[in-house]
Amino acid sequence: MSTATNENSTGAQVAGGELPEHEVMLTDVAAGKVRSLLEQEGRTDLRLRVAVQPGGCSGLIYQLYFDERLLDGDAVRDYDGVEVVVDKMSVPYLSGASIDFEDTISKQGFTIDNPNAGGSCACGDSFH
């Protein structure tokens, strides 16, 4: 007996069908910045992975990084050619979160607005 394998929209082989989608939003500005960074790296095979891990002074920290892998249980969503991947353990913590990119005189970088965060530390790098 063999398991049916289908290729999903991300090109990944998934047993039995498509990868689930997550509810993390990526603004057009953030998607443009990700696209620019990937072009600078000369890599079209990378995805933006967003994760929540234990750490920081409030208990949880965000991680954003490029990843070529799709892991079991990952949820994927495409934003005009930019794939955002969230692991299955992070999905509930990030549901409804929005990722933006700021480029001002006082701040440059990705920001995450997360309605699930009950509070954050003074430095803004961790939440609970």
C-alpha atoms as a PDB file:
ATOM      1  CA  MET A   1       0.000   0.000   0.000  1.00  0.00           C
ATOM      2  CA  SER A   2       1.436   3.364  -0.970  1.00  0.00           C
ATOM      3  CA  THR A   3       0.609   6.868   0.154  1.00  0.00           C
ATOM      4  CA  ALA A   4      -0.426   9.324  -2.540  1.00  0.00           C
ATOM      5  CA  THR A   5       1.963  12.238  -2.872  1.00  0.00           C
ATOM      6  CA  ASN A   6       0.940  15.521  -4.421  1.00  0.00           C
ATOM      7  CA  GLU A   7       3.050  18.551  -5.241  1.00  0.00           C
ATOM      8  CA  ASN A   8       1.662  21.671  -3.581  1.00  0.00           C
ATOM      9  CA  SER A   9       1.887  25.265  -4.799  1.00  0.00           C
ATOM     10  CA  THR A  10       5.236  25.676  -3.044  1.00  0.00           C
ATOM     11  CA  GLY A  11       6.702  22.801  -5.029  1.00  0.00           C
ATOM     12  CA  ALA A  12       6.977  20.612  -1.938  1.00  0.00           C
ATOM     13  CA  GLN A  13       5.896  17.023  -1.955  1.00  0.00           C
ATOM     14  CA  VAL A  14       3.158  16.510   0.588  1.00  0.00           C
ATOM     15  CA  ALA A  15       1.665  13.129   1.428  1.00  0.00           C
ATOM     16  CA  GLY A  16      -2.052  13.218   0.794  1.00  0.00           C
ATOM     17  CA  GLY A  17      -2.385  16.854  -0.317  1.00  0.00           C
ATOM     18  CA  GLU A  18      -1.700  20.510   0.351  1.00  0.00           C
ATOM     19  CA  LEU A  19       0.084  22.140   3.275  1.00  0.00           C
ATOM     20  CA  PRO A  20      -2.220  24.023   5.640  1.00  0.00           C
ATOM     21  CA  GLU A  21      -2.287  27.832   5.554  1.00  0.00           C
ATOM     22  CA  HIS A  22      -1.586  30.071   8.553  1.00  0.00           C
ATOM     23  CA  GLU A  23      -3.122  33.413   9.510  1.00  0.00           C
ATOM     24  CA  VAL A  24       0.042  35.530   9.593  1.00  0.00           C
ATOM     25  CA  MET A  25      -0.215  38.596   7.362  1.00  0.00           C
ATOM     26  CA  LEU A  26       2.751  40.063   5.468  1.00  0.00           C
ATOM     27  CA  THR A  27       2.378  43.692   4.375  1.00  0.00           C
ATOM     28  CA  ASP A  28       3.287  44.716   0.844  1.00  0.00           C
ATOM     29  CA  VAL A  29       6.237  46.719   2.212  1.00  0.00           C
ATOM     30  CA  ALA A  30       7.556  43.688   4.138  1.00  0.00           C
ATOM     31  CA  ALA A  31       7.046  41.393   1.128  1.00  0.00           C
ATOM     32  CA  GLY A  32       9.011  43.840  -1.010  1.00  0.00           C
ATOM     33  CA  LYS A  33      11.864  43.890   1.501  1.00  0.00           C
ATOM     34  CA  VAL A  34      11.954  40.085   1.675  1.00  0.00           C
ATOM     35  CA  ARG A  35      11.967  39.905  -2.120  1.00  0.00           C
ATOM     36  CA  SER A  36      14.843  42.429  -2.229  1.00  0.00           C
ATOM     37  CA  LEU A  37      16.874  40.467   0.331  1.00  0.00           C
ATOM     38  CA  LEU A  38      16.360  37.215  -1.586  1.00  0.00           C
ATOM     39  CA  GLU A  39      17.465  38.899  -4.821  1.00  0.00           C
ATOM     40  CA  GLN A  40      20.603  40.178  -3.065  1.00  0.00           C
ATOM     41  CA  GLU A  41      21.345  36.621  -1.931  1.00  0.00           C
ATOM     42  CA  GLY A  42      20.657  35.261  -5.421  1.00  0.00           C
ATOM     43  CA  ARG A  43      18.347  32.630  -3.919  1.00  0.00           C
ATOM     44  CA  THR A  44      14.878  31.838  -5.178  1.00  0.00           C
ATOM     45  CA  ASP A  45      14.542  28.649  -3.140  1.00  0.00           C
ATOM     46  CA  LEU A  46      14.251  30.339   0.273  1.00  0.00           C
ATOM     47  CA  ARG A  47      11.136  31.104   2.312  1.00  0.00           C
ATOM     48  CA  LEU A  48      10.632  33.470   5.233  1.00  0.00           C
ATOM     49  CA  ARG A  49      10.186  31.333   8.337  1.00  0.00           C
ATOM     50  CA  VAL A  50       8.444  32.917  11.327  1.00  0.00           C
ATOM     51  CA  ALA A  51       8.612  31.129  14.665  1.00  0.00           C
ATOM     52  CA  VAL A  52       8.001  31.627  18.355  1.00  0.00           C
ATOM     53  CA  GLN A  53      10.492  30.129  20.799  1.00  0.00           C
ATOM     54  CA  PRO A  54      10.979  30.222  24.568  1.00  0.00           C
ATOM     55  CA  GLY A  55      13.315  33.009  25.653  1.00  0.00           C
ATOM     56  CA  GLY A  56      13.659  36.680  26.362  1.00  0.00           C
ATOM     57  CA  CYS A  57      12.646  38.485  29.513  1.00  0.00           C
ATOM     58  CA  SER A  58       8.898  38.010  28.880  1.00  0.00           C
ATOM     59  CA  GLY A  59       8.992  34.303  28.040  1.00  0.00           C
ATOM     60  CA  LEU A  60       8.719  34.071  24.228  1.00  0.00           C
ATOM     61  CA  ILE A  61      10.734  35.534  21.368  1.00  0.00           C
ATOM     62  CA  TYR A  62      10.054  35.860  17.653  1.00  0.00           C
ATOM     63  CA  GLN A  63      12.404  34.427  15.094  1.00  0.00           C
ATOM     64  CA  LEU A  64      12.418  35.465  11.445  1.00  0.00           C
ATOM     65  CA  TYR A  65      14.888  33.854   9.095  1.00  0.00           C
ATOM     66  CA  PHE A  66      15.231  32.424   5.608  1.00  0.00           C
ATOM     67  CA  ASP A  67      14.801  28.675   5.275  1.00  0.00           C
ATOM     68  CA  GLU A  68      14.870  26.329   2.313  1.00  0.00           C
ATOM     69  CA  ARG A  69      13.165  23.505   4.200  1.00  0.00           C
ATOM     70  CA  LEU A  70       9.520  22.624   4.635  1.00  0.00           C
ATOM     71  CA  LEU A  71       9.021  20.567   7.771  1.00  0.00           C
ATOM     72  CA  ASP A  72       6.228  18.220   8.780  1.00  0.00           C
ATOM     73  CA  GLY A  73       3.324  20.279  10.077  1.00  0.00           C
ATOM     74  CA  ASP A  74       4.448  23.585   8.544  1.00  0.00           C
ATOM     75  CA  ALA A  75       1.769  26.022   7.433  1.00  0.00           C
ATOM     76  CA  VAL A  76       2.544  28.104   4.334  1.00  0.00           C
ATOM     77  CA  ARG A  77       1.073  31.205   2.763  1.00  0.00           C
ATOM     78  CA  ASP A  78       2.197  32.973  -0.409  1.00  0.00           C
ATOM     79  CA  TYR A  79       2.341  36.762  -0.687  1.00  0.00           C
ATOM     80  CA  ASP A  80       2.912  37.584  -4.344  1.00  0.00           C
ATOM     81  CA  GLY A  81       5.811  35.167  -4.672  1.00  0.00           C
ATOM     82  CA  VAL A  82       7.111  35.458  -1.098  1.00  0.00           C
ATOM     83  CA  GLU A  83       6.361  32.331   0.887  1.00  0.00           C
ATOM     84  CA  VAL A  84       5.916  32.699   4.637  1.00  0.00           C
ATOM     85  CA  VAL A  85       6.264  29.479   6.652  1.00  0.00           C
ATOM     86  CA  VAL A  86       5.131  28.954  10.252  1.00  0.00           C
ATOM     87  CA  ASP A  87       5.834  25.749  12.168  1.00  0.00           C
ATOM     88  CA  LYS A  88       2.883  23.919  13.723  1.00  0.00           C
ATOM     89  CA  MET A  89       3.847  24.837  17.314  1.00  0.00           C
ATOM     90  CA  SER A  90       4.023  28.576  16.495  1.00  0.00           C
ATOM     91  CA  VAL A  91       0.755  28.814  14.519  1.00  0.00           C
ATOM     92  CA  PRO A  92      -1.516  29.424  17.565  1.00  0.00           C
ATOM     93  CA  TYR A  93       0.818  32.108  18.964  1.00  0.00           C
ATOM     94  CA  LEU A  94       0.948  33.951  15.637  1.00  0.00           C
ATOM     95  CA  SER A  95      -2.670  33.682  14.454  1.00  0.00           C
ATOM     96  CA  GLY A  96      -3.731  37.127  13.244  1.00  0.00           C
ATOM     97  CA  ALA A  97      -0.243  38.626  13.563  1.00  0.00           C
ATOM     98  CA  SER A  98       0.979  41.095  10.972  1.00  0.00           C
ATOM     99  CA  ILE A  99       4.588  41.487   9.809  1.00  0.00           C
ATOM    100  CA  ASP A 100       5.669  44.872   8.475  1.00  0.00           C
ATOM    101  CA  PHE A 101       8.976  46.538   7.626  1.00  0.00           C
ATOM    102  CA  GLU A 102       9.915  49.975   8.921  1.00  0.00           C
ATOM    103  CA  ASP A 103      12.630  52.130   7.419  1.00  0.00           C
ATOM    104  CA  THR A 104      12.739  55.439   9.279  1.00  0.00           C
ATOM    105  CA  ILE A 105      15.461  57.565  10.785  1.00  0.00           C
ATOM    106  CA  SER A 106      14.791  56.061  14.213  1.00  0.00           C
ATOM    107  CA  LYS A 107      14.137  52.430  13.275  1.00  0.00           C
ATOM    108  CA  GLN A 108      14.875  49.969  10.522  1.00  0.00           C
ATOM    109  CA  GLY A 109      13.707  46.396  10.533  1.00  0.00           C
ATOM    110  CA  PHE A 110      10.815  43.992  10.566  1.00  0.00           C
ATOM    111  CA  THR A 111       8.081  44.508  13.137  1.00  0.00           C
ATOM    112  CA  ILE A 112       5.424  42.069  14.320  1.00  0.00           C
ATOM    113  CA  ASP A 113       2.047  43.260  15.541  1.00  0.00           C
ATOM    114  CA  ASN A 114       0.600  40.277  17.401  1.00  0.00           C
ATOM    115  CA  PRO A 115      -2.900  40.419  18.927  1.00  0.00           C
ATOM    116  CA  ASN A 116      -2.091  37.257  20.934  1.00  0.00           C
ATOM    117  CA  ALA A 117       0.688  38.923  22.941  1.00  0.00           C
ATOM    118  CA  GLY A 118      -0.551  39.666  26.462  1.00  0.00           C
ATOM    119  CA  GLY A 119       2.379  41.988  27.088  1.00  0.00           C
ATOM    120  CA  SER A 120       5.988  42.559  26.173  1.00  0.00           C
ATOM    121  CA  CYS A 121       9.230  43.546  27.816  1.00  0.00           C
ATOM    122  CA  ALA A 122      10.687  47.046  27.804  1.00  0.00           C
ATOM    123  CA  CYS A 123      13.068  46.233  24.962  1.00  0.00           C
ATOM    124  CA  GLY A 124      10.182  44.918  22.831  1.00  0.00           C
ATOM    125  CA  ASP A 125      12.025  41.766  21.791  1.00  0.00           C
ATOM    126  CA  SER A 126       9.941  39.273  23.754  1.00  0.00           C
ATOM    127  CA  PHE A 127       6.318  38.785  24.752  1.00  0.00           C
ATOM    128  CA  HIS A 128       3.983  36.625  26.803  1.00  0.00           C
END
